[in-house]
Amino acid sequence: MARATQASDTWFQNTAAKQIRDDELRRAERLNGRIAMLGFTIGLIVEAFSGDAILQQIADLALLAQG
């Protein structure tokens, strides 16, 4: 009986840990998506004011980072 209870407890612990990891992954992916949308929106706003396309902005940033 003790083995069955121990196996059952282990299964529940493993299942709970997997659910927690899945929830953390969903939360991280949601945050990542929101930040990406924010960055894209900022890029569009800068494009509207400066006339530089988003890809040009990225290229300029890469050149600036190189020095």
PDB file of N, CA and C in Angstrom:
ATOM      1  N   MET A   1       0.814  -1.191   0.000  1.00  0.00           N
ATOM      2  CA  MET A   1       0.000   0.000   0.000  1.00  0.00           C
ATOM      3  C   MET A   1       0.859   1.256   0.000  1.00  0.00           C
ATOM      4  N   ALA A   2       1.958   1.219   0.744  1.00  0.00           N
ATOM      5  CA  ALA A   2       2.819   2.399   0.851  1.00  0.00           C
ATOM      6  C   ALA A   2       3.444   2.740  -0.494  1.00  0.00           C
ATOM      7  N   ARG A   3       3.786   1.702  -1.264  1.00  0.00           N
ATOM      8  CA  ARG A   3       4.382   1.948  -2.577  1.00  0.00           C
ATOM      9  C   ARG A   3       3.393   2.632  -3.510  1.00  0.00           C
ATOM     10  N   ALA A   4       2.160   2.191  -3.472  1.00  0.00           N
ATOM     11  CA  ALA A   4       1.137   2.795  -4.332  1.00  0.00           C
ATOM     12  C   ALA A   4       0.921   4.255  -3.953  1.00  0.00           C
ATOM     13  N   THR A   5       0.905   4.528  -2.680  1.00  0.00           N
ATOM     14  CA  THR A   5       0.726   5.906  -2.218  1.00  0.00           C
ATOM     15  C   THR A   5       1.921   6.762  -2.608  1.00  0.00           C
ATOM     16  N   GLN A   6       3.122   6.202  -2.455  1.00  0.00           N
ATOM     17  CA  GLN A   6       4.330   6.943  -2.808  1.00  0.00           C
ATOM     18  C   GLN A   6       4.368   7.210  -4.313  1.00  0.00           C
ATOM     19  N   ALA A   7       4.021   6.213  -5.125  1.00  0.00           N
ATOM     20  CA  ALA A   7       3.989   6.394  -6.573  1.00  0.00           C
ATOM     21  C   ALA A   7       2.940   7.424  -6.957  1.00  0.00           C
ATOM     22  N   SER A   8       1.805   7.373  -6.286  1.00  0.00           N
ATOM     23  CA  SER A   8       0.740   8.334  -6.552  1.00  0.00           C
ATOM     24  C   SER A   8       1.191   9.744  -6.195  1.00  0.00           C
ATOM     25  N   ASP A   9       1.862   9.893  -5.048  1.00  0.00           N
ATOM     26  CA  ASP A   9       2.364  11.207  -4.638  1.00  0.00           C
ATOM     27  C   ASP A   9       3.386  11.734  -5.633  1.00  0.00           C
ATOM     28  N   THR A  10       4.276  10.869  -6.079  1.00  0.00           N
ATOM     29  CA  THR A  10       5.289  11.271  -7.062  1.00  0.00           C
ATOM     30  C   THR A  10       4.624  11.712  -8.353  1.00  0.00           C
ATOM     31  N   TRP A  11       3.615  10.973  -8.787  1.00  0.00           N
ATOM     32  CA  TRP A  11       2.920  11.337 -10.028  1.00  0.00           C
ATOM     33  C   TRP A  11       2.268  12.712  -9.889  1.00  0.00           C
ATOM     34  N   PHE A  12       1.606  12.951  -8.760  1.00  0.00           N
ATOM     35  CA  PHE A  12       0.962  14.248  -8.549  1.00  0.00           C
ATOM     36  C   PHE A  12       1.986  15.376  -8.496  1.00  0.00           C
ATOM     37  N   GLN A  13       3.122  15.138  -7.861  1.00  0.00           N
ATOM     38  CA  GLN A  13       4.166  16.161  -7.786  1.00  0.00           C
ATOM     39  C   GLN A  13       4.725  16.467  -9.174  1.00  0.00           C
ATOM     40  N   ASN A  14       4.968  15.422  -9.955  1.00  0.00           N
ATOM     41  CA  ASN A  14       5.480  15.623 -11.314  1.00  0.00           C
ATOM     42  C   ASN A  14       4.464  16.351 -12.184  1.00  0.00           C
ATOM     43  N   THR A  15       3.207  15.990 -12.048  1.00  0.00           N
ATOM     44  CA  THR A  15       2.157  16.646 -12.826  1.00  0.00           C
ATOM     45  C   THR A  15       2.027  18.112 -12.428  1.00  0.00           C
ATOM     46  N   ALA A  16       2.081  18.392 -11.145  1.00  0.00           N
ATOM     47  CA  ALA A  16       1.994  19.780 -10.674  1.00  0.00           C
ATOM     48  C   ALA A  16       3.184  20.588 -11.169  1.00  0.00           C
ATOM     49  N   ALA A  17       4.379  20.003 -11.130  1.00  0.00           N
ATOM     50  CA  ALA A  17       5.577  20.707 -11.605  1.00  0.00           C
ATOM     51  C   ALA A  17       5.466  21.004 -13.094  1.00  0.00           C
ATOM     52  N   LYS A  18       4.935  20.060 -13.870  1.00  0.00           N
ATOM     53  CA  LYS A  18       4.773  20.281 -15.309  1.00  0.00           C
ATOM     54  C   LYS A  18       3.762  21.392 -15.572  1.00  0.00           C
ATOM     55  N   GLN A  19       2.680  21.414 -14.826  1.00  0.00           N
ATOM     56  CA  GLN A  19       1.681  22.471 -14.993  1.00  0.00           C
ATOM     57  C   GLN A  19       2.261  23.833 -14.654  1.00  0.00           C
ATOM     58  N   ILE A  20       3.084  23.896 -13.624  1.00  0.00           N
ATOM     59  CA  ILE A  20       3.722  25.164 -13.253  1.00  0.00           C
ATOM     60  C   ILE A  20       4.662  25.617 -14.357  1.00  0.00           C
ATOM     61  N   ARG A  21       5.465  24.699 -14.898  1.00  0.00           N
ATOM     62  CA  ARG A  21       6.373  25.049 -15.997  1.00  0.00           C
ATOM     63  C   ARG A  21       5.592  25.522 -17.215  1.00  0.00           C
ATOM     64  N   ASP A  22       4.497  24.841 -17.530  1.00  0.00           N
ATOM     65  CA  ASP A  22       3.676  25.242 -18.673  1.00  0.00           C
ATOM     66  C   ASP A  22       3.090  26.636 -18.470  1.00  0.00           C
ATOM     67  N   ASP A  23       2.628  26.923 -17.261  1.00  0.00           N
ATOM     68  CA  ASP A  23       2.081  28.253 -16.961  1.00  0.00           C
ATOM     69  C   ASP A  23       3.154  29.324 -17.082  1.00  0.00           C
ATOM     70  N   GLU A  24       4.351  29.033 -16.574  1.00  0.00           N
ATOM     71  CA  GLU A  24       5.448  29.997 -16.676  1.00  0.00           C
ATOM     72  C   GLU A  24       5.826  30.237 -18.135  1.00  0.00           C
ATOM     73  N   LEU A  25       5.837  29.179 -18.937  1.00  0.00           N
ATOM     74  CA  LEU A  25       6.158  29.314 -20.356  1.00  0.00           C
ATOM     75  C   LEU A  25       5.106  30.158 -21.068  1.00  0.00           C
ATOM     76  N   ARG A  26       3.835  29.907 -20.789  1.00  0.00           N
ATOM     77  CA  ARG A  26       2.768  30.707 -21.398  1.00  0.00           C
ATOM     78  C   ARG A  26       2.908  32.178 -21.026  1.00  0.00           C
ATOM     79  N   ARG A  27       3.193  32.433 -19.758  1.00  0.00           N
ATOM     80  CA  ARG A  27       3.354  33.810 -19.283  1.00  0.00           C
ATOM     81  C   ARG A  27       4.542  34.483 -19.975  1.00  0.00           C
ATOM     82  N   ALA A  28       5.644  33.766 -20.109  1.00  0.00           N
ATOM     83  CA  ALA A  28       6.832  34.321 -20.764  1.00  0.00           C
ATOM     84  C   ALA A  28       6.563  34.590 -22.245  1.00  0.00           C
ATOM     85  N   GLU A  29       5.883  33.683 -22.917  1.00  0.00           N
ATOM     86  CA  GLU A  29       5.575  33.870 -24.335  1.00  0.00           C
ATOM     87  C   GLU A  29       4.617  35.044 -24.537  1.00  0.00           C
ATOM     88  N   ARG A  30       3.661  35.189 -23.639  1.00  0.00           N
ATOM     89  CA  ARG A  30       2.722  36.309 -23.727  1.00  0.00           C
ATOM     90  C   ARG A  30       3.464  37.636 -23.561  1.00  0.00           C
ATOM     91  N   LEU A  31       4.362  37.703 -22.586  1.00  0.00           N
ATOM     92  CA  LEU A  31       5.149  38.915 -22.365  1.00  0.00           C
ATOM     93  C   LEU A  31       6.039  39.205 -23.569  1.00  0.00           C
ATOM     94  N   ASN A  32       6.681  38.175 -24.101  1.00  0.00           N
ATOM     95  CA  ASN A  32       7.538  38.336 -25.266  1.00  0.00           C
ATOM     96  C   ASN A  32       6.743  38.869 -26.453  1.00  0.00           C
ATOM     97  N   GLY A  33       5.560  38.345 -26.675  1.00  0.00           N
ATOM     98  CA  GLY A  33       4.714  38.817 -27.766  1.00  0.00           C
ATOM     99  C   GLY A  33       4.293  40.262 -27.589  1.00  0.00           C
ATOM    100  N   ARG A  34       3.958  40.627 -26.370  1.00  0.00           N
ATOM    101  CA  ARG A  34       3.545  42.013 -26.107  1.00  0.00           C
ATOM    102  C   ARG A  34       4.702  42.982 -26.326  1.00  0.00           C
ATOM    103  N   ILE A  35       5.888  42.602 -25.885  1.00  0.00           N
ATOM    104  CA  ILE A  35       7.052  43.465 -26.084  1.00  0.00           C
ATOM    105  C   ILE A  35       7.376  43.581 -27.573  1.00  0.00           C
ATOM    106  N   ALA A  36       7.247  42.489 -28.319  1.00  0.00           N
ATOM    107  CA  ALA A  36       7.488  42.531 -29.760  1.00  0.00           C
ATOM    108  C   ALA A  36       6.482  43.449 -30.449  1.00  0.00           C
ATOM    109  N   MET A  37       5.213  43.368 -30.056  1.00  0.00           N
ATOM    110  CA  MET A  37       4.204  44.250 -30.648  1.00  0.00           C
ATOM    111  C   MET A  37       4.489  45.708 -30.318  1.00  0.00           C
ATOM    112  N   LEU A  38       4.938  45.964 -29.102  1.00  0.00           N
ATOM    113  CA  LEU A  38       5.287  47.325 -28.704  1.00  0.00           C
ATOM    114  C   LEU A  38       6.458  47.845 -29.539  1.00  0.00           C
ATOM    115  N   GLY A  39       7.477  47.023 -29.714  1.00  0.00           N
ATOM    116  CA  GLY A  39       8.622  47.419 -30.531  1.00  0.00           C
ATOM    117  C   GLY A  39       8.234  47.687 -31.968  1.00  0.00           C
ATOM    118  N   PHE A  40       7.378  46.842 -32.525  1.00  0.00           N
ATOM    119  CA  PHE A  40       6.928  47.037 -33.904  1.00  0.00           C
ATOM    120  C   PHE A  40       6.123  48.330 -34.029  1.00  0.00           C
ATOM    121  N   THR A  41       5.256  48.592 -33.061  1.00  0.00           N
ATOM    122  CA  THR A  41       4.455  49.818 -33.076  1.00  0.00           C
ATOM    123  C   THR A  41       5.348  51.047 -32.983  1.00  0.00           C
ATOM    124  N   ILE A  42       6.341  50.998 -32.114  1.00  0.00           N
ATOM    125  CA  ILE A  42       7.279  52.120 -32.012  1.00  0.00           C
ATOM    126  C   ILE A  42       8.017  52.304 -33.329  1.00  0.00           C
ATOM    127  N   GLY A  43       8.413  51.204 -33.968  1.00  0.00           N
ATOM    128  CA  GLY A  43       9.071  51.285 -35.273  1.00  0.00           C
ATOM    129  C   GLY A  43       8.185  51.936 -36.317  1.00  0.00           C
ATOM    130  N   LEU A  44       6.902  51.613 -36.313  1.00  0.00           N
ATOM    131  CA  LEU A  44       5.975  52.233 -37.267  1.00  0.00           C
ATOM    132  C   LEU A  44       5.809  53.725 -37.000  1.00  0.00           C
ATOM    133  N   ILE A  45       5.760  54.094 -35.731  1.00  0.00           N
ATOM    134  CA  ILE A  45       5.624  55.516 -35.382  1.00  0.00           C
ATOM    135  C   ILE A  45       6.865  56.285 -35.824  1.00  0.00           C
ATOM    136  N   VAL A  46       8.046  55.718 -35.565  1.00  0.00           N
ATOM    137  CA  VAL A  46       9.290  56.369 -35.996  1.00  0.00           C
ATOM    138  C   VAL A  46       9.325  56.470 -37.516  1.00  0.00           C
ATOM    139  N   GLU A  47       8.863  55.423 -38.197  1.00  0.00           N
ATOM    140  CA  GLU A  47       8.816  55.456 -39.662  1.00  0.00           C
ATOM    141  C   GLU A  47       7.899  56.571 -40.150  1.00  0.00           C
ATOM    142  N   ALA A  48       6.775  56.753 -39.496  1.00  0.00           N
ATOM    143  CA  ALA A  48       5.833  57.794 -39.906  1.00  0.00           C
ATOM    144  C   ALA A  48       6.441  59.185 -39.759  1.00  0.00           C
ATOM    145  N   PHE A  49       7.223  59.392 -38.710  1.00  0.00           N
ATOM    146  CA  PHE A  49       7.805  60.715 -38.474  1.00  0.00           C
ATOM    147  C   PHE A  49       9.112  60.950 -39.226  1.00  0.00           C
ATOM    148  N   SER A  50       9.934  59.908 -39.375  1.00  0.00           N
ATOM    149  CA  SER A  50      11.258  60.103 -39.973  1.00  0.00           C
ATOM    150  C   SER A  50      11.319  59.720 -41.448  1.00  0.00           C
ATOM    151  N   GLY A  51      10.432  58.853 -41.873  1.00  0.00           N
ATOM    152  CA  GLY A  51      10.461  58.392 -43.254  1.00  0.00           C
ATOM    153  C   GLY A  51      11.378  57.189 -43.462  1.00  0.00           C
ATOM    154  N   ASP A  52      12.128  56.783 -42.433  1.00  0.00           N
ATOM    155  CA  ASP A  52      12.994  55.605 -42.533  1.00  0.00           C
ATOM    156  C   ASP A  52      12.170  54.348 -42.284  1.00  0.00           C
ATOM    157  N   ALA A  53      12.305  53.376 -43.187  1.00  0.00           N
ATOM    158  CA  ALA A  53      11.591  52.112 -43.022  1.00  0.00           C
ATOM    159  C   ALA A  53      12.130  51.370 -41.801  1.00  0.00           C
ATOM    160  N   ILE A  54      11.350  50.423 -41.311  1.00  0.00           N
ATOM    161  CA  ILE A  54      11.744  49.672 -40.122  1.00  0.00           C
ATOM    162  C   ILE A  54      13.061  48.939 -40.359  1.00  0.00           C
ATOM    163  N   LEU A  55      13.232  48.329 -41.521  1.00  0.00           N
ATOM    164  CA  LEU A  55      14.482  47.622 -41.798  1.00  0.00           C
ATOM    165  C   LEU A  55      15.662  48.586 -41.834  1.00  0.00           C
ATOM    166  N   GLN A  56      15.444  49.785 -42.337  1.00  0.00           N
ATOM    167  CA  GLN A  56      16.505  50.790 -42.345  1.00  0.00           C
ATOM    168  C   GLN A  56      16.855  51.210 -40.919  1.00  0.00           C
ATOM    169  N   GLN A  57      15.854  51.330 -40.074  1.00  0.00           N
ATOM    170  CA  GLN A  57      16.100  51.675 -38.672  1.00  0.00           C
ATOM    171  C   GLN A  57      16.958  50.603 -37.998  1.00  0.00           C
ATOM    172  N   ILE A  58      16.652  49.345 -38.291  1.00  0.00           N
ATOM    173  CA  ILE A  58      17.420  48.240 -37.701  1.00  0.00           C
ATOM    174  C   ILE A  58      18.855  48.260 -38.217  1.00  0.00           C
ATOM    175  N   ALA A  59      19.016  48.506 -39.521  1.00  0.00           N
ATOM    176  CA  ALA A  59      20.359  48.575 -40.097  1.00  0.00           C
ATOM    177  C   ALA A  59      21.145  49.734 -39.491  1.00  0.00           C
ATOM    178  N   ASP A  60      20.508  50.872 -39.314  1.00  0.00           N
ATOM    179  CA  ASP A  60      21.174  52.025 -38.706  1.00  0.00           C
ATOM    180  C   ASP A  60      21.595  51.718 -37.269  1.00  0.00           C
ATOM    181  N   LEU A  61      20.730  51.023 -36.553  1.00  0.00           N
ATOM    182  CA  LEU A  61      21.045  50.653 -35.173  1.00  0.00           C
ATOM    183  C   LEU A  61      22.236  49.703 -35.127  1.00  0.00           C
ATOM    184  N   ALA A  62      22.291  48.764 -36.077  1.00  0.00           N
ATOM    185  CA  ALA A  62      23.404  47.814 -36.123  1.00  0.00           C
ATOM    186  C   ALA A  62      24.709  48.543 -36.425  1.00  0.00           C
ATOM    187  N   LEU A  63      24.666  49.512 -37.342  1.00  0.00           N
ATOM    188  CA  LEU A  63      25.866  50.286 -37.663  1.00  0.00           C
ATOM    189  C   LEU A  63      26.292  51.134 -36.474  1.00  0.00           C
ATOM    190  N   LEU A  64      25.332  51.691 -35.774  1.00  0.00           N
ATOM    191  CA  LEU A  64      25.629  52.509 -34.604  1.00  0.00           C
ATOM    192  C   LEU A  64      26.274  51.667 -33.502  1.00  0.00           C
ATOM    193  N   ALA A  65      25.803  50.442 -33.351  1.00  0.00           N
ATOM    194  CA  ALA A  65      26.336  49.554 -32.318  1.00  0.00           C
ATOM    195  C   ALA A  65      27.771  49.132 -32.634  1.00  0.00           C
ATOM    196  N   GLN A  66      28.099  49.041 -33.929  1.00  0.00           N
ATOM    197  CA  GLN A  66      29.454  48.643 -34.315  1.00  0.00           C
ATOM    198  C   GLN A  66      30.459  49.758 -34.058  1.00  0.00           C
ATOM    199  N   GLY A  67      29.981  50.973 -34.054  1.00  0.00           N
ATOM    200  CA  GLY A  67      30.858  52.112 -33.747  1.00  0.00           C
ATOM    201  C   GLY A  67      31.308  52.741 -34.968  1.00  0.00           C
TER     202      GLY A  67
END
